[in-house]
Amino acid sequence: MYVTKLEKIEEGRYNVTSLLCTECQTAETIEVSSKWVFDMHQGGSVSELLPFPEYSLGLRERFITGLCEKDWQKIMLGVED
């Protein structure tokens, strides 16, 4: 799991930002708990940290590869808008 920025919002709450999408140069930021941050630093898997359906599969992919859902579908599946 790749995080490019970890920012404390308030006690117990953080913003984490994904890698930039290599295609469209956008990033995704989500708000998480301090337990989430601890679990990430302990090597938690993406499926544990971003469980489906609470988090979309596209968001999970963003934190795995950096690709946004649209560009992942375009590259991997040949799907265009």
Protein backbone atom coordinates (compact mmCIF):
# COMPACT_ATOMS: atom_id res chain seq x y z
CA MET A 1 0.00 0.00 0.00
CA TYR A 2 1.38 3.37 -1.01
CA VAL A 3 0.67 6.65 0.78
CA THR A 4 2.38 9.86 -0.33
CA LYS A 5 1.11 12.13 2.42
CA LEU A 6 -0.09 11.60 5.97
CA GLU A 7 -1.52 14.67 7.67
CA LYS A 8 -2.99 14.92 11.16
CA ILE A 9 -6.34 16.73 11.12
CA GLU A 10 -7.11 16.51 14.83
CA GLU A 11 -6.56 14.06 17.65
CA GLY A 12 -7.31 10.59 16.29
CA ARG A 13 -8.06 11.71 12.69
CA TYR A 14 -5.73 11.84 9.69
CA ASN A 15 -5.85 12.49 5.96
CA VAL A 16 -3.90 10.05 3.80
CA THR A 17 -3.15 10.72 0.15
CA SER A 18 -2.50 8.16 -2.57
CA LEU A 19 0.14 8.16 -5.26
CA LEU A 20 -0.50 10.38 -8.27
CA CYS A 21 -2.20 8.54 -11.11
CA THR A 22 0.46 8.03 -13.76
CA GLU A 23 -2.05 8.82 -16.49
CA CYS A 24 -4.08 11.82 -15.26
CA GLN A 25 -1.81 13.06 -12.43
CA THR A 26 -4.59 13.15 -9.82
CA ALA A 27 -4.43 11.84 -6.25
CA GLU A 28 -7.09 10.67 -3.80
CA THR A 29 -7.25 11.75 -0.16
CA ILE A 30 -9.29 9.94 2.48
CA GLU A 31 -9.86 10.56 6.17
CA VAL A 32 -8.87 7.75 8.51
CA SER A 33 -8.50 7.03 12.24
CA SER A 34 -5.29 6.83 14.24
CA LYS A 35 -5.90 3.06 14.53
CA TRP A 36 -5.90 2.88 10.73
CA VAL A 37 -2.54 4.69 10.62
CA PHE A 38 -1.12 2.34 13.27
CA ASP A 39 -2.38 -0.73 11.39
CA MET A 40 -0.88 0.59 8.14
CA HIS A 41 2.53 1.06 9.80
CA GLN A 42 2.28 -2.47 11.17
CA GLY A 43 1.98 -3.82 7.61
CA GLY A 44 -1.80 -4.14 7.32
CA SER A 45 -3.00 -5.29 3.92
CA VAL A 46 -5.11 -3.14 1.63
CA SER A 47 -8.06 -5.49 2.07
CA GLU A 48 -7.84 -5.01 5.85
CA LEU A 49 -7.27 -1.25 5.71
CA LEU A 50 -9.77 -0.48 2.93
CA PRO A 51 -12.45 -3.16 3.28
CA PHE A 52 -15.00 -3.58 0.49
CA PRO A 53 -17.79 -2.37 0.29
CA GLU A 54 -16.95 0.43 2.76
CA TYR A 55 -14.27 1.54 0.28
CA SER A 56 -14.69 1.05 -3.47
CA LEU A 57 -12.48 -1.34 -5.39
CA GLY A 58 -11.33 1.66 -7.45
CA LEU A 59 -10.15 3.47 -4.32
CA ARG A 60 -8.34 0.35 -3.15
CA GLU A 61 -6.60 0.10 -6.53
CA ARG A 62 -5.56 3.74 -6.22
CA PHE A 63 -3.63 2.96 -3.03
CA ILE A 64 -2.12 -0.21 -4.54
CA THR A 65 -0.96 0.99 -7.97
CA GLY A 66 -1.68 4.71 -7.97
CA LEU A 67 -3.95 4.39 -11.00
CA CYS A 68 -7.37 6.02 -10.74
CA GLU A 69 -10.31 3.74 -11.51
CA LYS A 70 -10.95 5.29 -14.94
CA ASP A 71 -7.36 4.92 -16.10
CA TRP A 72 -7.02 1.44 -14.58
CA GLN A 73 -10.06 0.30 -16.60
CA LYS A 74 -8.69 1.94 -19.73
CA ILE A 75 -5.25 0.32 -19.38
CA MET A 76 -6.19 -3.10 -17.99
CA LEU A 77 -9.59 -3.70 -19.56
CA GLY A 78 -9.53 -1.48 -22.66
CA VAL A 79 -12.65 0.34 -21.39
CA GLU A 80 -13.11 3.91 -22.65
CA ASP A 81 -15.67 6.46 -21.44
